[in-house]
Each structure stands twice: as C-alpha cells, then as structure tokens.
Amino acid sequence: MADPTGSSPRAARGRPTSAGRAAGGSGGSSPRAGTTAGEHGNAALELLVLAPVILALIGLVIAAGRTSVAQGSVDAAARDAARQASISLTPSAARQAALSSAYAALRADGLHCRPVVTLDLAQGFGTPLGQPAQVSASVRCTVRLSDLLVPGVPGTRTLTARFTSPLDPYRSR
C-alpha cells in the first residue's frame, strides 16, 4: 500500500524516521525521540561509577574536618597548660597544674587520645627574681582516622602544639 505522497505509514503517524533521527530532528512528541536502545541504562551506570568517588570525597572532607578540630583542641590544651604553669609559684605546683589543665582541656573538647604533655620549667623557675622568664608546654596527641575507611587516609595522625607563657618576674613576693 503505497502512499501517493511518497511517505511511509510510520512518518504519517508523527514518528521520526531513521533519516529524521540521524539528522537530529525530533519529528514527534515522544520524550525518547532522540535516544537509541543502547542509551537506556546509562544513568544507572554513571551512578555506579561516580558513587565511590563521591563517598571518598566525603570521607576526605570528614578526615580534614576531624583533623582541624583536633588540632584546635591540642593548641588550646598547650596554651592552657603553659598558662597554668606560668601562674604557679613552684615547679612542682606548675607541673601538676599544667598536666591537669591539659587533660581537662582535651576531655572538654571530646578529643579521645592519650596526650603526651611535656613541660620546660627549668629555664623559667631557675631564673632569678626580677628577670624575665618563661615556661613552655608541648602537647602531642594521636588522633584515630581509621574508622573513616577512606583509601589513602592514614589510620592515625599525630598532632603537636607548643605554647610559651611568660612568668611574673616578682612571682614570690
């Protein structure tokens, strides 16, 4: 049944012919007018390929955030330890005050690590009265990152902070 106008029955129903698809014409109102049979599963495949990359990026952002917050906590602990040592009157009182202050600061920030607090009190408390002196505190803490399960991220990260605080030159008067 040939059509006298030369068009096929398929073109008469408003669907594109293979020539119309190749030329990029829509030819019809079908939403899949420009797609071929091989393009139907591409969205699922793209999601399957991109999902691990997106999850890894999220893990890296969390690791960076956790490290940044932990570094701030370690800095605050070192600052508090040095400050508490500088206002103490004796080296033994300074040591006790600095250690308890550093542990309390880390605990208050929710940082779960075993900190190593090092104090340099000899220079400050060995200086004669009336002379400027200082004490310093160093805090080292190892933060766990292994629970993030991100490839390429180390299992732990050691953070260190050091702070120096001046002593009152007339502290015992």
N, C-alpha and C. Protein backbone atom coordinates (compact mmCIF):
# COMPACT_ATOMS: atom_id res chain seq x y z
N MET A 1 0.81 -1.17 0.00
CA MET A 1 0.00 0.00 0.00
C MET A 1 0.86 1.24 0.00
N ALA A 2 1.13 1.64 -1.13
CA ALA A 2 1.99 2.80 -1.28
C ALA A 2 1.16 4.06 -1.16
N ASP A 3 1.71 4.99 -0.51
CA ASP A 3 1.06 6.29 -0.33
C ASP A 3 1.39 7.14 -1.55
N PRO A 4 0.39 7.80 -2.10
CA PRO A 4 0.67 8.59 -3.29
C PRO A 4 1.61 9.76 -3.02
N THR A 5 1.71 10.21 -1.76
CA THR A 5 2.60 11.35 -1.49
C THR A 5 4.03 10.88 -1.32
N GLY A 6 4.26 9.59 -1.19
CA GLY A 6 5.61 9.05 -1.08
C GLY A 6 6.08 8.89 0.36
N SER A 7 5.21 9.14 1.31
CA SER A 7 5.64 8.99 2.70
C SER A 7 5.19 7.65 3.22
N SER A 8 5.91 7.14 4.16
CA SER A 8 5.60 5.82 4.72
C SER A 8 4.53 5.96 5.79
N PRO A 9 3.88 4.87 6.17
CA PRO A 9 2.89 4.94 7.23
C PRO A 9 3.52 5.37 8.55
N ARG A 10 4.78 5.06 8.79
CA ARG A 10 5.45 5.44 10.02
C ARG A 10 5.59 6.95 10.12
N ALA A 11 5.95 7.60 9.05
CA ALA A 11 6.07 9.05 9.04
C ALA A 11 4.72 9.71 9.17
N ALA A 12 3.68 9.06 8.71
CA ALA A 12 2.35 9.63 8.78
C ALA A 12 1.86 9.69 10.21
N ARG A 13 2.32 8.80 11.10
CA ARG A 13 1.87 8.81 12.48
C ARG A 13 2.65 9.83 13.33
N GLY A 14 3.61 10.53 12.79
CA GLY A 14 4.32 11.56 13.51
C GLY A 14 5.59 11.06 14.19
N ARG A 15 6.01 9.86 13.88
CA ARG A 15 7.25 9.35 14.47
C ARG A 15 8.40 9.62 13.51
N PRO A 16 9.56 9.85 14.06
CA PRO A 16 10.68 10.14 13.17
C PRO A 16 11.15 8.89 12.45
N THR A 17 11.59 9.12 11.29
CA THR A 17 12.17 8.02 10.52
C THR A 17 13.65 7.95 10.86
N SER A 18 14.31 6.93 10.39
CA SER A 18 15.74 6.81 10.67
C SER A 18 16.49 8.00 10.08
N ALA A 19 16.03 8.55 8.99
CA ALA A 19 16.68 9.72 8.40
C ALA A 19 16.46 10.93 9.29
N GLY A 20 15.27 11.03 9.91
CA GLY A 20 14.98 12.16 10.80
C GLY A 20 15.81 12.09 12.07
N ARG A 21 16.02 10.89 12.61
CA ARG A 21 16.83 10.72 13.82
C ARG A 21 18.29 11.05 13.53
N ALA A 22 18.76 10.62 12.39
CA ALA A 22 20.16 10.87 12.04
C ALA A 22 20.41 12.35 11.83
N ALA A 23 19.42 13.06 11.37
CA ALA A 23 19.57 14.49 11.14
C ALA A 23 19.36 15.28 12.41
N GLY A 24 18.93 14.63 13.48
CA GLY A 24 18.75 15.32 14.75
C GLY A 24 17.36 15.89 14.91
N GLY A 25 16.45 15.59 14.01
CA GLY A 25 15.11 16.12 14.12
C GLY A 25 14.31 15.36 15.15
N SER A 26 13.38 16.05 15.79
CA SER A 26 12.57 15.37 16.79
C SER A 26 11.41 14.67 16.12
N GLY A 27 10.74 15.32 15.23
CA GLY A 27 9.73 14.68 14.42
C GLY A 27 8.50 14.26 15.19
N GLY A 28 8.55 14.07 16.47
CA GLY A 28 7.38 13.63 17.21
C GLY A 28 7.39 14.17 18.61
N SER A 29 6.35 13.84 19.36
CA SER A 29 6.22 14.36 20.71
C SER A 29 6.70 13.37 21.75
N SER A 30 7.30 12.28 21.34
CA SER A 30 7.78 11.27 22.28
C SER A 30 9.01 11.78 23.01
N PRO A 31 9.11 11.62 24.36
CA PRO A 31 10.27 12.11 25.10
C PRO A 31 11.54 11.36 24.75
N ARG A 32 11.42 10.18 24.20
CA ARG A 32 12.60 9.39 23.86
C ARG A 32 12.89 9.47 22.37
N ALA A 33 12.49 10.52 21.75
CA ALA A 33 12.61 10.61 20.31
C ALA A 33 14.06 10.60 19.85
N GLY A 34 15.00 11.16 20.64
CA GLY A 34 16.39 11.23 20.20
C GLY A 34 17.27 10.15 20.79
N THR A 35 16.73 9.19 21.52
CA THR A 35 17.55 8.17 22.17
C THR A 35 17.54 6.90 21.36
N THR A 36 18.57 6.13 21.55
CA THR A 36 18.64 4.83 20.90
C THR A 36 18.54 3.76 21.97
N ALA A 37 18.46 2.54 21.58
CA ALA A 37 18.25 1.44 22.52
C ALA A 37 19.44 1.27 23.46
N GLY A 38 20.66 1.64 23.10
CA GLY A 38 21.84 1.46 23.94
C GLY A 38 22.00 2.51 25.02
N GLU A 39 21.20 3.59 25.00
CA GLU A 39 21.34 4.69 25.96
C GLU A 39 20.45 4.56 27.18
N HIS A 40 19.61 3.56 27.27
CA HIS A 40 18.62 3.49 28.35
C HIS A 40 19.23 3.22 29.72
N GLY A 41 20.34 2.51 29.87
CA GLY A 41 20.91 2.17 31.16
C GLY A 41 22.09 3.03 31.57
N ASN A 42 22.33 4.15 30.91
CA ASN A 42 23.49 4.98 31.19
C ASN A 42 23.43 5.67 32.54
N ALA A 43 22.28 6.11 32.99
CA ALA A 43 22.18 6.82 34.27
C ALA A 43 22.58 5.90 35.42
N ALA A 44 22.13 4.69 35.42
CA ALA A 44 22.49 3.75 36.49
C ALA A 44 23.98 3.43 36.45
N LEU A 45 24.52 3.30 35.28
CA LEU A 45 25.95 3.01 35.14
C LEU A 45 26.80 4.20 35.61
N GLU A 46 26.38 5.41 35.26
CA GLU A 46 27.10 6.59 35.71
C GLU A 46 27.06 6.72 37.23
N LEU A 47 25.93 6.44 37.84
CA LEU A 47 25.80 6.48 39.29
C LEU A 47 26.69 5.42 39.93
N LEU A 48 26.75 4.26 39.34
CA LEU A 48 27.58 3.18 39.86
C LEU A 48 29.06 3.56 39.82
N VAL A 49 29.49 4.26 38.79
CA VAL A 49 30.88 4.67 38.66
C VAL A 49 31.19 5.85 39.58
N LEU A 50 30.27 6.80 39.72
CA LEU A 50 30.53 8.01 40.49
C LEU A 50 30.32 7.85 41.99
N ALA A 51 29.54 6.90 42.44
CA ALA A 51 29.23 6.75 43.86
C ALA A 51 30.48 6.54 44.71
N PRO A 52 31.42 5.65 44.35
CA PRO A 52 32.62 5.52 45.19
C PRO A 52 33.47 6.78 45.22
N VAL A 53 33.52 7.51 44.12
CA VAL A 53 34.29 8.75 44.09
C VAL A 53 33.67 9.78 45.02
N ILE A 54 32.37 9.90 44.98
CA ILE A 54 31.67 10.86 45.85
C ILE A 54 31.84 10.47 47.31
N LEU A 55 31.72 9.19 47.63
CA LEU A 55 31.89 8.74 49.01
C LEU A 55 33.33 8.96 49.49
N ALA A 56 34.31 8.76 48.63
CA ALA A 56 35.70 9.01 49.01
C ALA A 56 35.93 10.50 49.29
N LEU A 57 35.35 11.37 48.48
CA LEU A 57 35.48 12.81 48.71
C LEU A 57 34.83 13.22 50.02
N ILE A 58 33.68 12.66 50.33
CA ILE A 58 33.02 12.96 51.60
C ILE A 58 33.89 12.49 52.76
N GLY A 59 34.49 11.31 52.64
CA GLY A 59 35.38 10.80 53.68
C GLY A 59 36.60 11.69 53.88
N LEU A 60 37.16 12.21 52.79
CA LEU A 60 38.30 13.11 52.90
C LEU A 60 37.93 14.42 53.58
N VAL A 61 36.74 14.93 53.29
CA VAL A 61 36.28 16.16 53.94
C VAL A 61 36.10 15.91 55.44
N ILE A 62 35.53 14.77 55.81
CA ILE A 62 35.36 14.45 57.23
C ILE A 62 36.71 14.30 57.91
N ALA A 63 37.66 13.64 57.27
CA ALA A 63 39.01 13.48 57.85
C ALA A 63 39.68 14.84 58.04
N ALA A 64 39.56 15.72 57.07
CA ALA A 64 40.16 17.06 57.19
C ALA A 64 39.50 17.84 58.31
N GLY A 65 38.19 17.75 58.42
CA GLY A 65 37.47 18.44 59.48
C GLY A 65 37.84 17.91 60.85
N ARG A 66 37.92 16.60 60.98
CA ARG A 66 38.28 15.98 62.25
C ARG A 66 39.69 16.38 62.65
N THR A 67 40.62 16.40 61.71
CA THR A 67 41.99 16.79 61.99
C THR A 67 42.07 18.26 62.40
N SER A 68 41.32 19.10 61.73
CA SER A 68 41.33 20.53 62.04
C SER A 68 40.78 20.80 63.44
N VAL A 69 39.68 20.17 63.80
CA VAL A 69 39.10 20.34 65.13
C VAL A 69 40.05 19.80 66.19
N ALA A 70 40.66 18.65 65.94
CA ALA A 70 41.60 18.06 66.90
C ALA A 70 42.83 18.95 67.06
N GLN A 71 43.32 19.55 65.99
CA GLN A 71 44.47 20.45 66.11
C GLN A 71 44.12 21.66 66.96
N GLY A 72 42.92 22.19 66.81
CA GLY A 72 42.49 23.30 67.66
C GLY A 72 42.43 22.91 69.12
N SER A 73 41.99 21.69 69.40
CA SER A 73 41.93 21.21 70.78
C SER A 73 43.32 21.04 71.36
N VAL A 74 44.25 20.51 70.58
CA VAL A 74 45.62 20.32 71.05
C VAL A 74 46.29 21.68 71.28
N ASP A 75 46.03 22.65 70.41
CA ASP A 75 46.56 24.01 70.60
C ASP A 75 46.03 24.61 71.91
N ALA A 76 44.74 24.46 72.15
CA ALA A 76 44.14 25.00 73.37
C ALA A 76 44.70 24.32 74.61
N ALA A 77 44.94 23.01 74.54
CA ALA A 77 45.50 22.29 75.68
C ALA A 77 46.91 22.77 75.98
N ALA A 78 47.72 23.00 74.96
CA ALA A 78 49.08 23.50 75.17
C ALA A 78 49.06 24.91 75.75
N ARG A 79 48.17 25.74 75.25
CA ARG A 79 48.05 27.11 75.75
C ARG A 79 47.62 27.12 77.22
N ASP A 80 46.61 26.30 77.55
CA ASP A 80 46.14 26.22 78.94
C ASP A 80 47.21 25.68 79.87
N ALA A 81 47.95 24.67 79.42
CA ALA A 81 49.00 24.09 80.25
C ALA A 81 50.10 25.11 80.53
N ALA A 82 50.52 25.84 79.52
CA ALA A 82 51.56 26.84 79.72
C ALA A 82 51.08 27.97 80.62
N ARG A 83 49.86 28.37 80.44
CA ARG A 83 49.30 29.45 81.26
C ARG A 83 49.20 29.03 82.72
N GLN A 84 48.71 27.83 82.98
CA GLN A 84 48.59 27.36 84.35
C GLN A 84 49.97 27.18 85.00
N ALA A 85 50.94 26.75 84.24
CA ALA A 85 52.30 26.61 84.78
C ALA A 85 52.89 27.98 85.08
N SER A 86 52.58 28.98 84.28
CA SER A 86 53.19 30.30 84.48
C SER A 86 52.63 31.04 85.69
N ILE A 87 51.44 30.71 86.13
CA ILE A 87 50.89 31.40 87.30
C ILE A 87 51.11 30.63 88.60
N SER A 88 51.77 29.49 88.52
CA SER A 88 52.08 28.72 89.72
C SER A 88 53.33 29.28 90.39
N LEU A 89 53.47 29.00 91.71
CA LEU A 89 54.59 29.55 92.46
C LEU A 89 55.81 28.64 92.52
N THR A 90 55.61 27.33 92.37
CA THR A 90 56.73 26.39 92.45
C THR A 90 56.72 25.49 91.22
N PRO A 91 57.87 24.89 90.91
CA PRO A 91 57.91 23.98 89.76
C PRO A 91 56.99 22.77 89.92
N SER A 92 56.88 22.20 91.12
CA SER A 92 56.01 21.04 91.30
C SER A 92 54.54 21.42 91.15
N ALA A 93 54.15 22.58 91.68
CA ALA A 93 52.77 23.05 91.52
C ALA A 93 52.50 23.38 90.05
N ALA A 94 53.50 23.92 89.37
CA ALA A 94 53.35 24.24 87.94
C ALA A 94 53.14 22.98 87.12
N ARG A 95 53.92 21.95 87.43
CA ARG A 95 53.79 20.68 86.70
C ARG A 95 52.39 20.09 86.90
N GLN A 96 51.93 20.04 88.13
CA GLN A 96 50.62 19.47 88.43
C GLN A 96 49.50 20.27 87.77
N ALA A 97 49.57 21.58 87.87
CA ALA A 97 48.54 22.44 87.28
C ALA A 97 48.52 22.32 85.76
N ALA A 98 49.69 22.26 85.15
CA ALA A 98 49.77 22.17 83.69
C ALA A 98 49.21 20.86 83.18
N LEU A 99 49.58 19.76 83.84
CA LEU A 99 49.09 18.45 83.39
C LEU A 99 47.58 18.34 83.54
N SER A 100 47.07 18.74 84.68
CA SER A 100 45.61 18.62 84.88
C SER A 100 44.86 19.55 83.93
N SER A 101 45.41 20.73 83.65
CA SER A 101 44.77 21.66 82.73
C SER A 101 44.74 21.11 81.30
N ALA A 102 45.84 20.52 80.86
CA ALA A 102 45.89 19.98 79.50
C ALA A 102 44.92 18.82 79.34
N TYR A 103 44.89 17.91 80.30
CA TYR A 103 43.97 16.77 80.22
C TYR A 103 42.52 17.23 80.25
N ALA A 104 42.23 18.22 81.10
CA ALA A 104 40.86 18.73 81.19
C ALA A 104 40.43 19.42 79.89
N ALA A 105 41.35 20.16 79.27
CA ALA A 105 41.01 20.85 78.02
C ALA A 105 40.71 19.85 76.90
N LEU A 106 41.49 18.78 76.83
CA LEU A 106 41.26 17.77 75.79
C LEU A 106 39.96 17.00 76.06
N ARG A 107 39.71 16.70 77.30
CA ARG A 107 38.48 15.99 77.67
C ARG A 107 37.25 16.86 77.40
N ALA A 108 37.34 18.16 77.69
CA ALA A 108 36.22 19.07 77.47
C ALA A 108 35.87 19.19 75.99
N ASP A 109 36.88 19.09 75.13
CA ASP A 109 36.63 19.18 73.68
C ASP A 109 36.22 17.84 73.08
N GLY A 110 36.18 16.78 73.90
CA GLY A 110 35.75 15.48 73.41
C GLY A 110 36.80 14.75 72.58
N LEU A 111 38.06 15.14 72.73
CA LEU A 111 39.14 14.50 71.97
C LEU A 111 39.63 13.28 72.74
N HIS A 112 39.44 12.12 72.17
CA HIS A 112 39.82 10.88 72.83
C HIS A 112 41.18 10.43 72.32
N CYS A 113 42.20 10.77 73.08
CA CYS A 113 43.55 10.36 72.75
C CYS A 113 44.34 10.28 74.05
N ARG A 114 45.50 9.72 73.96
CA ARG A 114 46.39 9.69 75.12
C ARG A 114 47.45 10.76 74.90
N PRO A 115 47.23 11.93 75.46
CA PRO A 115 48.17 13.02 75.19
C PRO A 115 49.49 12.83 75.94
N VAL A 116 50.54 13.33 75.34
CA VAL A 116 51.84 13.40 75.97
C VAL A 116 52.13 14.88 76.19
N VAL A 117 52.19 15.28 77.46
CA VAL A 117 52.41 16.68 77.81
C VAL A 117 53.84 16.82 78.30
N THR A 118 54.60 17.70 77.66
CA THR A 118 55.99 17.96 78.04
C THR A 118 56.10 19.41 78.48
N LEU A 119 56.71 19.61 79.63
CA LEU A 119 56.87 20.96 80.17
C LEU A 119 58.34 21.33 80.27
N ASP A 120 58.66 22.57 79.96
CA ASP A 120 60.01 23.09 80.14
C ASP A 120 59.92 24.16 81.22
N LEU A 121 60.16 23.74 82.48
CA LEU A 121 60.04 24.65 83.61
C LEU A 121 61.38 25.11 84.14
N ALA A 122 62.44 24.39 83.82
CA ALA A 122 63.76 24.68 84.40
C ALA A 122 64.24 26.09 84.04
N GLN A 123 64.05 26.47 82.80
CA GLN A 123 64.52 27.78 82.38
C GLN A 123 63.77 28.89 83.12
N GLY A 124 62.47 28.74 83.26
CA GLY A 124 61.66 29.78 83.88
C GLY A 124 61.85 29.88 85.38
N PHE A 125 61.74 28.76 86.08
CA PHE A 125 61.82 28.79 87.53
C PHE A 125 63.26 28.88 88.03
N GLY A 126 64.23 28.66 87.18
CA GLY A 126 65.63 28.79 87.56
C GLY A 126 66.15 30.21 87.40
N THR A 127 65.38 31.08 86.80
CA THR A 127 65.78 32.46 86.58
C THR A 127 65.63 33.26 87.88
N PRO A 128 66.59 34.10 88.22
CA PRO A 128 66.48 34.90 89.45
C PRO A 128 65.28 35.86 89.38
N LEU A 129 64.77 36.19 90.56
CA LEU A 129 63.64 37.12 90.64
C LEU A 129 64.01 38.45 90.01
N GLY A 130 63.04 39.06 89.39
CA GLY A 130 63.25 40.35 88.74
C GLY A 130 63.68 40.22 87.29
N GLN A 131 64.06 39.02 86.86
CA GLN A 131 64.48 38.80 85.48
C GLN A 131 63.31 38.21 84.68
N PRO A 132 63.18 38.58 83.42
CA PRO A 132 62.12 37.98 82.61
C PRO A 132 62.40 36.49 82.39
N ALA A 133 61.34 35.70 82.49
CA ALA A 133 61.47 34.25 82.30
C ALA A 133 60.19 33.73 81.66
N GLN A 134 60.27 32.52 81.18
CA GLN A 134 59.10 31.92 80.54
C GLN A 134 59.11 30.41 80.75
N VAL A 135 57.93 29.83 80.66
CA VAL A 135 57.78 28.38 80.70
C VAL A 135 57.07 27.98 79.41
N SER A 136 57.27 26.76 78.98
CA SER A 136 56.60 26.31 77.77
C SER A 136 56.03 24.92 77.98
N ALA A 137 54.97 24.67 77.26
CA ALA A 137 54.29 23.38 77.32
C ALA A 137 54.11 22.87 75.90
N SER A 138 54.30 21.59 75.75
CA SER A 138 54.12 20.94 74.46
C SER A 138 53.16 19.78 74.65
N VAL A 139 52.18 19.68 73.78
CA VAL A 139 51.18 18.61 73.86
C VAL A 139 51.21 17.86 72.54
N ARG A 140 51.30 16.54 72.63
CA ARG A 140 51.27 15.67 71.45
C ARG A 140 50.14 14.68 71.63
N CYS A 141 49.33 14.54 70.62
CA CYS A 141 48.15 13.69 70.69
C CYS A 141 47.98 12.95 69.36
N THR A 142 47.69 11.67 69.43
CA THR A 142 47.47 10.87 68.22
C THR A 142 45.98 10.65 68.03
N VAL A 143 45.46 11.13 66.92
CA VAL A 143 44.03 11.05 66.61
C VAL A 143 43.79 9.90 65.66
N ARG A 144 42.75 9.12 65.93
CA ARG A 144 42.41 7.97 65.10
C ARG A 144 41.56 8.41 63.91
N LEU A 145 41.94 7.97 62.72
CA LEU A 145 41.17 8.23 61.50
C LEU A 145 40.77 6.92 60.81
N SER A 146 41.15 5.80 61.38
CA SER A 146 40.94 4.51 60.73
C SER A 146 39.45 4.15 60.64
N ASP A 147 38.60 4.74 61.46
CA ASP A 147 37.18 4.42 61.40
C ASP A 147 36.48 5.03 60.19
N LEU A 148 37.15 5.91 59.45
CA LEU A 148 36.54 6.51 58.26
C LEU A 148 36.56 5.59 57.06
N LEU A 149 37.47 4.65 57.01
CA LEU A 149 37.59 3.67 55.93
C LEU A 149 37.72 4.31 54.55
N VAL A 150 38.55 5.34 54.47
CA VAL A 150 38.80 6.00 53.20
C VAL A 150 40.17 5.57 52.70
N PRO A 151 40.25 5.04 51.49
CA PRO A 151 41.56 4.64 50.96
C PRO A 151 42.50 5.84 50.85
N GLY A 152 43.73 5.64 51.26
CA GLY A 152 44.73 6.70 51.18
C GLY A 152 44.84 7.55 52.42
N VAL A 153 43.88 7.45 53.34
CA VAL A 153 43.93 8.21 54.58
C VAL A 153 44.62 7.34 55.62
N PRO A 154 45.65 7.88 56.30
CA PRO A 154 46.34 7.06 57.30
C PRO A 154 45.42 6.72 58.46
N GLY A 155 45.74 5.65 59.18
CA GLY A 155 44.92 5.21 60.30
C GLY A 155 44.95 6.16 61.48
N THR A 156 46.08 6.85 61.67
CA THR A 156 46.20 7.82 62.75
C THR A 156 46.97 9.04 62.27
N ARG A 157 46.82 10.10 63.01
CA ARG A 157 47.56 11.33 62.71
C ARG A 157 48.02 11.92 64.03
N THR A 158 49.30 12.20 64.16
CA THR A 158 49.84 12.77 65.38
C THR A 158 49.89 14.28 65.25
N LEU A 159 49.25 14.95 66.20
CA LEU A 159 49.18 16.40 66.20
C LEU A 159 50.00 16.93 67.37
N THR A 160 50.72 18.00 67.16
CA THR A 160 51.59 18.57 68.18
C THR A 160 51.37 20.08 68.25
N ALA A 161 51.40 20.60 69.47
CA ALA A 161 51.31 22.05 69.67
C ALA A 161 52.25 22.45 70.80
N ARG A 162 52.83 23.63 70.68
CA ARG A 162 53.73 24.15 71.70
C ARG A 162 53.34 25.59 71.98
N PHE A 163 53.34 25.94 73.25
CA PHE A 163 52.97 27.29 73.64
C PHE A 163 53.90 27.75 74.76
N THR A 164 54.30 29.01 74.74
CA THR A 164 55.18 29.59 75.74
C THR A 164 54.45 30.72 76.45
N SER A 165 54.58 30.76 77.77
CA SER A 165 53.92 31.79 78.55
C SER A 165 54.94 32.44 79.49
N PRO A 166 54.90 33.75 79.63
CA PRO A 166 55.88 34.42 80.49
C PRO A 166 55.54 34.24 81.97
N LEU A 167 56.59 34.19 82.78
CA LEU A 167 56.44 34.16 84.23
C LEU A 167 56.43 35.58 84.76
N ASP A 168 55.74 35.78 85.86
CA ASP A 168 55.77 37.06 86.54
C ASP A 168 57.16 37.22 87.18
N PRO A 169 57.90 38.26 86.86
CA PRO A 169 59.24 38.39 87.43
C PRO A 169 59.26 38.52 88.96
N TYR A 170 58.14 38.91 89.54
CA TYR A 170 58.07 39.10 91.00
C TYR A 170 57.06 38.12 91.59
N ARG A 171 57.08 36.88 91.12
CA ARG A 171 56.08 35.88 91.45
C ARG A 171 56.04 35.48 92.92
N SER A 172 57.13 35.53 93.66
CA SER A 172 57.09 35.02 95.03
C SER A 172 57.02 36.14 96.06
N ARG A 173 56.87 37.35 95.66
CA ARG A 173 56.81 38.46 96.63
C ARG A 173 55.40 38.83 96.96
